[in-house]
C-alpha cells in the first residue's frame, strides 16, 4: 500500500504472515514529502515504487532495503508496470494532481518510458 505521505506498507493477508507486516518512508527529499503514485511487483518478489518526486526506486521487501534508485525525471511518475517476464519496466511521467489544479500546466507533455531490466537491479539480495 502506498500513501500520499511518502510511505509504503507491506501487509500480508495470511494470518500466519501478519508478523511480517512493516512500513517504511520513501519519496522524500529533505523536509519535502511526495506521494507514492505507483507500486509495481516484479516476478522475483521485489518491487518498484514511483513517486510524485519523479523518482523510481527498486526494493527488496524480504531484506527491507533499496536495491536501486533512479534520478528524478523532473515530473511525477504516475504509473508503472513490469512485464510478465520481468525484463522490461514501463512507466509514465505526467502531472499527477498531487499539488492541485492550480499547478497544472495545460499542454505539458505526458511521457512513456521503457527501461530494460538488468538482473542486478532487481534481484533480491541473499538473506543475511
N, C-alpha and C. Protein backbone atom coordinates (compact mmCIF):
# COMPACT_ATOMS: atom_id res chain seq x y z
N UNK A 1 0.85 -1.17 0.00
CA UNK A 1 0.00 0.00 0.00
C UNK A 1 0.90 1.24 0.00
N UNK A 2 0.65 2.15 -0.92
CA UNK A 2 1.39 3.42 -0.96
C UNK A 2 0.51 4.54 -0.45
N UNK A 3 1.14 5.63 -0.01
CA UNK A 3 0.35 6.73 0.54
C UNK A 3 0.80 8.08 -0.02
N UNK A 4 -0.04 9.08 0.19
CA UNK A 4 0.30 10.44 -0.20
C UNK A 4 1.32 11.03 0.76
N UNK A 5 1.61 10.32 1.85
CA UNK A 5 2.58 10.77 2.85
C UNK A 5 3.96 10.19 2.62
N UNK A 6 4.23 9.65 1.41
CA UNK A 6 5.55 9.12 1.10
C UNK A 6 5.92 7.89 1.89
N UNK A 7 4.94 7.04 2.14
CA UNK A 7 5.18 5.80 2.88
C UNK A 7 4.64 4.62 2.09
N UNK A 8 5.26 3.47 2.32
CA UNK A 8 4.79 2.21 1.74
C UNK A 8 4.61 1.23 2.87
N UNK A 9 3.51 0.50 2.84
CA UNK A 9 3.25 -0.54 3.82
C UNK A 9 3.14 -1.89 3.13
N UNK A 10 3.86 -2.86 3.65
CA UNK A 10 3.76 -4.24 3.17
C UNK A 10 2.90 -4.98 4.19
N UNK A 11 1.73 -5.44 3.73
CA UNK A 11 0.79 -6.11 4.62
C UNK A 11 0.38 -7.44 4.01
N UNK A 12 0.49 -8.47 4.79
CA UNK A 12 0.14 -9.82 4.36
C UNK A 12 -1.30 -10.13 4.76
N UNK A 13 -2.02 -10.80 3.87
CA UNK A 13 -3.40 -11.19 4.15
C UNK A 13 -3.48 -12.47 4.96
N UNK A 14 -2.46 -13.29 4.88
CA UNK A 14 -2.40 -14.55 5.60
C UNK A 14 -2.10 -14.27 7.07
N UNK A 15 -2.97 -14.75 7.97
CA UNK A 15 -2.80 -14.51 9.41
C UNK A 15 -1.43 -14.97 9.90
N UNK A 16 -0.92 -16.06 9.35
CA UNK A 16 0.38 -16.59 9.77
C UNK A 16 1.53 -15.66 9.38
N UNK A 17 1.32 -14.80 8.39
CA UNK A 17 2.36 -13.89 7.91
C UNK A 17 2.24 -12.48 8.49
N UNK A 18 1.18 -12.20 9.25
CA UNK A 18 0.95 -10.84 9.75
C UNK A 18 2.12 -10.28 10.53
N UNK A 19 2.90 -11.12 11.17
CA UNK A 19 4.06 -10.65 11.95
C UNK A 19 5.13 -10.04 11.04
N UNK A 20 5.03 -10.31 9.73
CA UNK A 20 5.99 -9.78 8.77
C UNK A 20 5.56 -8.44 8.18
N UNK A 21 4.41 -7.91 8.58
CA UNK A 21 3.96 -6.61 8.09
C UNK A 21 4.94 -5.52 8.53
N UNK A 22 5.18 -4.55 7.65
CA UNK A 22 6.03 -3.42 8.01
C UNK A 22 5.73 -2.25 7.08
N UNK A 23 6.19 -1.09 7.46
CA UNK A 23 6.04 0.13 6.65
C UNK A 23 7.38 0.85 6.64
N UNK A 24 7.60 1.65 5.59
CA UNK A 24 8.83 2.43 5.51
C UNK A 24 8.58 3.74 4.77
N UNK A 25 9.45 4.70 5.03
CA UNK A 25 9.37 6.01 4.39
C UNK A 25 10.17 5.97 3.09
N UNK A 26 9.65 6.64 2.08
CA UNK A 26 10.34 6.78 0.80
C UNK A 26 9.82 8.04 0.12
N UNK A 27 10.35 8.36 -1.02
CA UNK A 27 9.93 9.53 -1.80
C UNK A 27 9.88 10.79 -0.94
N UNK A 28 11.05 11.06 -0.34
CA UNK A 28 11.24 12.24 0.50
C UNK A 28 12.57 12.87 0.12
N UNK A 29 12.60 14.18 0.19
CA UNK A 29 13.83 14.93 -0.06
C UNK A 29 13.88 16.06 0.95
N UNK A 30 14.83 16.00 1.85
CA UNK A 30 14.93 16.95 2.97
C UNK A 30 13.60 16.93 3.72
N UNK A 31 12.93 18.07 3.84
CA UNK A 31 11.65 18.10 4.56
C UNK A 31 10.45 17.96 3.62
N UNK A 32 10.69 17.75 2.33
CA UNK A 32 9.60 17.59 1.36
C UNK A 32 9.17 16.13 1.29
N UNK A 33 7.87 15.91 1.33
CA UNK A 33 7.29 14.57 1.27
C UNK A 33 6.45 14.49 0.00
N UNK A 34 6.63 13.40 -0.76
CA UNK A 34 5.93 13.23 -2.03
C UNK A 34 5.06 11.98 -2.00
N UNK A 35 3.95 12.03 -2.71
CA UNK A 35 3.04 10.89 -2.79
C UNK A 35 3.70 9.71 -3.51
N UNK A 36 3.34 8.51 -3.06
CA UNK A 36 3.71 7.29 -3.77
C UNK A 36 2.56 7.03 -4.75
N UNK A 37 2.84 7.18 -6.04
CA UNK A 37 1.79 7.07 -7.05
C UNK A 37 1.60 5.66 -7.58
N UNK A 38 2.64 4.85 -7.55
CA UNK A 38 2.53 3.51 -8.13
C UNK A 38 3.48 2.56 -7.41
N UNK A 39 3.03 1.32 -7.28
CA UNK A 39 3.86 0.22 -6.80
C UNK A 39 3.70 -0.90 -7.81
N UNK A 40 4.83 -1.42 -8.31
CA UNK A 40 4.80 -2.49 -9.31
C UNK A 40 5.64 -3.65 -8.79
N UNK A 41 5.07 -4.85 -8.83
CA UNK A 41 5.77 -6.03 -8.34
C UNK A 41 6.43 -6.79 -9.47
N UNK A 42 7.66 -7.21 -9.23
CA UNK A 42 8.46 -7.98 -10.18
C UNK A 42 8.22 -9.47 -9.93
N UNK A 43 8.33 -10.31 -10.97
CA UNK A 43 8.14 -11.75 -10.77
C UNK A 43 9.06 -12.38 -9.71
N UNK A 44 10.20 -11.77 -9.40
CA UNK A 44 11.11 -12.31 -8.39
C UNK A 44 10.67 -11.97 -6.96
N UNK A 45 9.63 -11.14 -6.81
CA UNK A 45 9.14 -10.77 -5.49
C UNK A 45 9.63 -9.42 -5.01
N UNK A 46 10.53 -8.80 -5.74
CA UNK A 46 10.95 -7.44 -5.43
C UNK A 46 9.91 -6.48 -6.03
N UNK A 47 10.07 -5.19 -5.79
CA UNK A 47 9.08 -4.26 -6.33
C UNK A 47 9.68 -2.88 -6.56
N UNK A 48 8.93 -2.07 -7.29
CA UNK A 48 9.31 -0.68 -7.58
C UNK A 48 8.28 0.25 -6.96
N UNK A 49 8.75 1.40 -6.47
CA UNK A 49 7.84 2.47 -6.09
C UNK A 49 8.13 3.67 -6.99
N UNK A 50 7.09 4.40 -7.32
CA UNK A 50 7.20 5.57 -8.19
C UNK A 50 6.48 6.72 -7.51
N UNK A 51 7.10 7.89 -7.52
CA UNK A 51 6.53 8.97 -6.75
C UNK A 51 6.29 10.27 -7.48
N UNK A 52 5.62 11.15 -6.76
CA UNK A 52 5.35 12.49 -7.27
C UNK A 52 6.64 13.30 -7.38
N UNK A 53 7.72 12.81 -6.78
CA UNK A 53 9.02 13.46 -6.90
C UNK A 53 9.74 13.12 -8.20
N UNK A 54 9.12 12.24 -9.02
CA UNK A 54 9.73 11.85 -10.29
C UNK A 54 10.77 10.75 -10.14
N UNK A 55 10.86 10.17 -8.96
CA UNK A 55 11.86 9.16 -8.66
C UNK A 55 11.25 7.76 -8.69
N UNK A 56 12.03 6.81 -9.19
CA UNK A 56 11.69 5.40 -9.16
C UNK A 56 12.73 4.70 -8.31
N UNK A 57 12.27 3.82 -7.43
CA UNK A 57 13.18 3.02 -6.60
C UNK A 57 12.78 1.56 -6.68
N UNK A 58 13.78 0.68 -6.75
CA UNK A 58 13.56 -0.76 -6.70
C UNK A 58 13.89 -1.23 -5.28
N UNK A 59 13.06 -2.12 -4.73
CA UNK A 59 13.15 -2.54 -3.34
C UNK A 59 13.16 -4.05 -3.20
N UNK A 60 13.85 -4.51 -2.18
CA UNK A 60 13.84 -5.92 -1.77
C UNK A 60 13.06 -5.97 -0.47
N UNK A 61 11.81 -6.44 -0.53
CA UNK A 61 10.96 -6.41 0.66
C UNK A 61 11.43 -7.38 1.73
N UNK A 62 11.99 -8.52 1.33
CA UNK A 62 12.40 -9.52 2.32
C UNK A 62 13.59 -9.06 3.14
N UNK A 63 14.49 -8.31 2.54
CA UNK A 63 15.65 -7.78 3.26
C UNK A 63 15.46 -6.32 3.69
N UNK A 64 14.29 -5.77 3.34
CA UNK A 64 13.92 -4.40 3.73
C UNK A 64 15.00 -3.40 3.34
N UNK A 65 15.40 -3.44 2.06
CA UNK A 65 16.41 -2.48 1.60
C UNK A 65 16.16 -2.06 0.15
N UNK A 66 16.68 -0.88 -0.16
CA UNK A 66 16.59 -0.37 -1.52
C UNK A 66 17.64 -1.07 -2.37
N UNK A 67 17.22 -1.52 -3.55
CA UNK A 67 18.14 -2.16 -4.49
C UNK A 67 18.75 -1.13 -5.43
N UNK A 68 17.93 -0.18 -5.88
CA UNK A 68 18.41 0.82 -6.82
C UNK A 68 17.48 2.02 -6.80
N UNK A 69 18.06 3.19 -6.88
CA UNK A 69 17.30 4.43 -7.03
C UNK A 69 17.69 5.09 -8.34
N UNK A 70 16.72 5.63 -9.02
CA UNK A 70 16.96 6.31 -10.29
C UNK A 70 16.83 7.82 -10.09
N UNK A 71 17.55 8.61 -10.87
CA UNK A 71 17.41 10.07 -10.75
C UNK A 71 16.00 10.52 -11.14
N UNK A 72 15.59 11.63 -10.61
CA UNK A 72 14.26 12.16 -10.90
C UNK A 72 14.10 12.47 -12.38
N UNK A 73 12.91 12.19 -12.89
CA UNK A 73 12.55 12.54 -14.27
C UNK A 73 12.11 14.00 -14.39
N UNK A 74 12.00 14.68 -13.26
CA UNK A 74 11.62 16.09 -13.29
C UNK A 74 10.12 16.33 -13.31
N UNK A 75 9.36 15.27 -13.37
CA UNK A 75 7.91 15.35 -13.26
C UNK A 75 7.42 14.07 -12.61
N UNK A 76 6.24 14.07 -12.02
CA UNK A 76 5.76 12.89 -11.31
C UNK A 76 5.71 11.64 -12.18
N UNK A 77 6.02 10.51 -11.57
CA UNK A 77 5.82 9.21 -12.21
C UNK A 77 4.44 8.75 -11.74
N UNK A 78 3.51 8.64 -12.66
CA UNK A 78 2.12 8.40 -12.28
C UNK A 78 1.68 6.95 -12.38
N UNK A 79 2.41 6.12 -13.14
CA UNK A 79 2.04 4.71 -13.26
C UNK A 79 3.25 3.90 -13.68
N UNK A 80 3.21 2.59 -13.40
CA UNK A 80 4.34 1.73 -13.75
C UNK A 80 3.92 0.27 -13.73
N UNK A 81 4.67 -0.56 -14.48
CA UNK A 81 4.37 -1.99 -14.53
C UNK A 81 5.57 -2.73 -15.10
N UNK A 82 5.90 -3.88 -14.50
CA UNK A 82 6.87 -4.82 -15.08
C UNK A 82 6.12 -5.72 -16.05
N UNK A 83 6.77 -6.15 -17.13
CA UNK A 83 6.13 -7.13 -18.00
C UNK A 83 6.19 -8.50 -17.32
N UNK A 84 5.47 -9.48 -17.86
CA UNK A 84 5.36 -10.80 -17.23
C UNK A 84 6.71 -11.50 -17.09
N UNK A 85 7.63 -11.27 -18.01
CA UNK A 85 8.95 -11.89 -17.94
C UNK A 85 9.87 -11.16 -16.95
N UNK A 86 9.53 -9.92 -16.61
CA UNK A 86 10.32 -9.15 -15.67
C UNK A 86 11.55 -8.49 -16.27
N UNK A 87 11.65 -8.50 -17.59
CA UNK A 87 12.84 -7.91 -18.21
C UNK A 87 12.61 -6.49 -18.73
N UNK A 88 11.39 -5.99 -18.62
CA UNK A 88 11.06 -4.62 -19.03
C UNK A 88 10.23 -3.95 -17.94
N UNK A 89 10.50 -2.67 -17.75
CA UNK A 89 9.76 -1.87 -16.79
C UNK A 89 9.23 -0.64 -17.53
N UNK A 90 7.92 -0.53 -17.65
CA UNK A 90 7.30 0.60 -18.34
C UNK A 90 6.71 1.55 -17.30
N UNK A 91 6.87 2.85 -17.55
CA UNK A 91 6.32 3.83 -16.62
C UNK A 91 5.95 5.11 -17.36
N UNK A 92 5.03 5.83 -16.77
CA UNK A 92 4.57 7.08 -17.36
C UNK A 92 4.88 8.26 -16.46
N UNK A 93 5.30 9.35 -17.07
CA UNK A 93 5.57 10.60 -16.35
C UNK A 93 4.54 11.63 -16.82
N UNK A 94 3.80 12.17 -15.86
CA UNK A 94 2.76 13.14 -16.19
C UNK A 94 2.35 13.88 -14.93
N UNK A 95 1.59 14.94 -15.09
CA UNK A 95 1.09 15.64 -13.91
C UNK A 95 0.16 14.70 -13.15
N UNK A 96 0.32 14.62 -11.84
CA UNK A 96 -0.46 13.66 -11.04
C UNK A 96 -1.50 14.30 -10.14
N UNK A 97 -1.66 15.59 -10.19
CA UNK A 97 -2.65 16.35 -9.43
C UNK A 97 -2.37 16.37 -7.93
N UNK A 98 -1.20 15.90 -7.48
CA UNK A 98 -0.90 15.91 -6.05
C UNK A 98 -0.76 17.33 -5.50
N UNK A 99 -0.50 18.30 -6.37
CA UNK A 99 -0.38 19.70 -5.95
C UNK A 99 -1.65 20.49 -6.26
N UNK A 100 -2.66 19.84 -6.81
CA UNK A 100 -3.91 20.51 -7.11
C UNK A 100 -3.95 21.11 -8.50
N UNK A 101 -5.11 21.62 -8.86
CA UNK A 101 -5.32 22.14 -10.22
C UNK A 101 -4.55 23.43 -10.49
N UNK A 102 -4.22 24.19 -9.45
CA UNK A 102 -3.53 25.47 -9.67
C UNK A 102 -2.13 25.29 -10.24
N UNK A 103 -1.53 24.10 -10.11
CA UNK A 103 -0.18 23.86 -10.63
C UNK A 103 -0.20 23.11 -11.97
N UNK A 104 -1.38 22.77 -12.46
CA UNK A 104 -1.48 22.07 -13.74
C UNK A 104 -1.17 23.05 -14.87
N UNK A 105 -0.30 22.63 -15.78
CA UNK A 105 0.05 23.46 -16.93
C UNK A 105 -0.47 22.78 -18.19
N UNK A 106 -1.60 23.26 -18.74
CA UNK A 106 -2.12 22.66 -19.96
C UNK A 106 -1.06 22.66 -21.07
N UNK A 107 -1.03 21.58 -21.80
CA UNK A 107 -0.06 21.49 -22.89
C UNK A 107 1.23 20.81 -22.47
N UNK A 108 1.41 20.54 -21.17
CA UNK A 108 2.60 19.82 -20.72
C UNK A 108 2.51 18.39 -21.23
N UNK A 109 3.60 17.92 -21.76
CA UNK A 109 3.57 16.58 -22.36
C UNK A 109 3.53 15.48 -21.31
N UNK A 110 2.90 14.38 -21.68
CA UNK A 110 2.94 13.14 -20.93
C UNK A 110 3.97 12.26 -21.63
N UNK A 111 4.72 11.49 -20.87
CA UNK A 111 5.79 10.69 -21.46
C UNK A 111 5.68 9.25 -20.99
N UNK A 112 6.00 8.32 -21.88
CA UNK A 112 6.03 6.90 -21.55
C UNK A 112 7.45 6.41 -21.80
N UNK A 113 7.99 5.67 -20.83
CA UNK A 113 9.36 5.15 -20.92
C UNK A 113 9.33 3.64 -20.76
N UNK A 114 10.29 2.98 -21.38
CA UNK A 114 10.50 1.55 -21.17
C UNK A 114 11.97 1.36 -20.79
N UNK A 115 12.16 0.78 -19.62
CA UNK A 115 13.51 0.56 -19.10
C UNK A 115 13.82 -0.94 -19.15
N UNK A 116 14.86 -1.36 -19.90
CA UNK A 116 15.26 -2.77 -19.88
C UNK A 116 15.88 -3.08 -18.51
N UNK A 117 15.45 -4.15 -17.89
CA UNK A 117 15.89 -4.50 -16.55
C UNK A 117 17.15 -5.36 -16.60
N UNK A 118 18.17 -4.92 -15.89
CA UNK A 118 19.35 -5.74 -15.68
C UNK A 118 19.10 -6.56 -14.42
N UNK A 119 19.50 -7.81 -14.42
CA UNK A 119 19.21 -8.69 -13.29
C UNK A 119 19.71 -8.13 -11.96
N UNK A 120 20.88 -7.51 -11.95
CA UNK A 120 21.42 -6.99 -10.70
C UNK A 120 20.65 -5.79 -10.16
N UNK A 121 19.78 -5.18 -10.96
CA UNK A 121 18.96 -4.06 -10.50
C UNK A 121 17.80 -4.53 -9.63
N UNK A 122 17.29 -5.72 -9.89
CA UNK A 122 16.02 -6.14 -9.30
C UNK A 122 16.09 -7.46 -8.55
N UNK A 123 17.20 -8.18 -8.67
CA UNK A 123 17.33 -9.47 -7.99
C UNK A 123 17.45 -9.27 -6.48
N UNK A 124 16.68 -10.05 -5.70
CA UNK A 124 16.78 -9.91 -4.25
C UNK A 124 18.20 -10.25 -3.76
N UNK A 125 18.61 -9.60 -2.68
CA UNK A 125 19.90 -9.89 -2.07
C UNK A 125 19.78 -11.19 -1.28
N UNK A 126 20.89 -11.84 -1.05
CA UNK A 126 20.89 -13.05 -0.22
C UNK A 126 20.55 -12.64 1.21
N UNK A 127 19.75 -13.47 1.88
CA UNK A 127 19.37 -13.18 3.27
C UNK A 127 20.61 -13.16 4.15
N UNK A 128 20.61 -12.21 5.07
CA UNK A 128 21.77 -12.09 5.99
C UNK A 128 21.62 -13.01 7.17
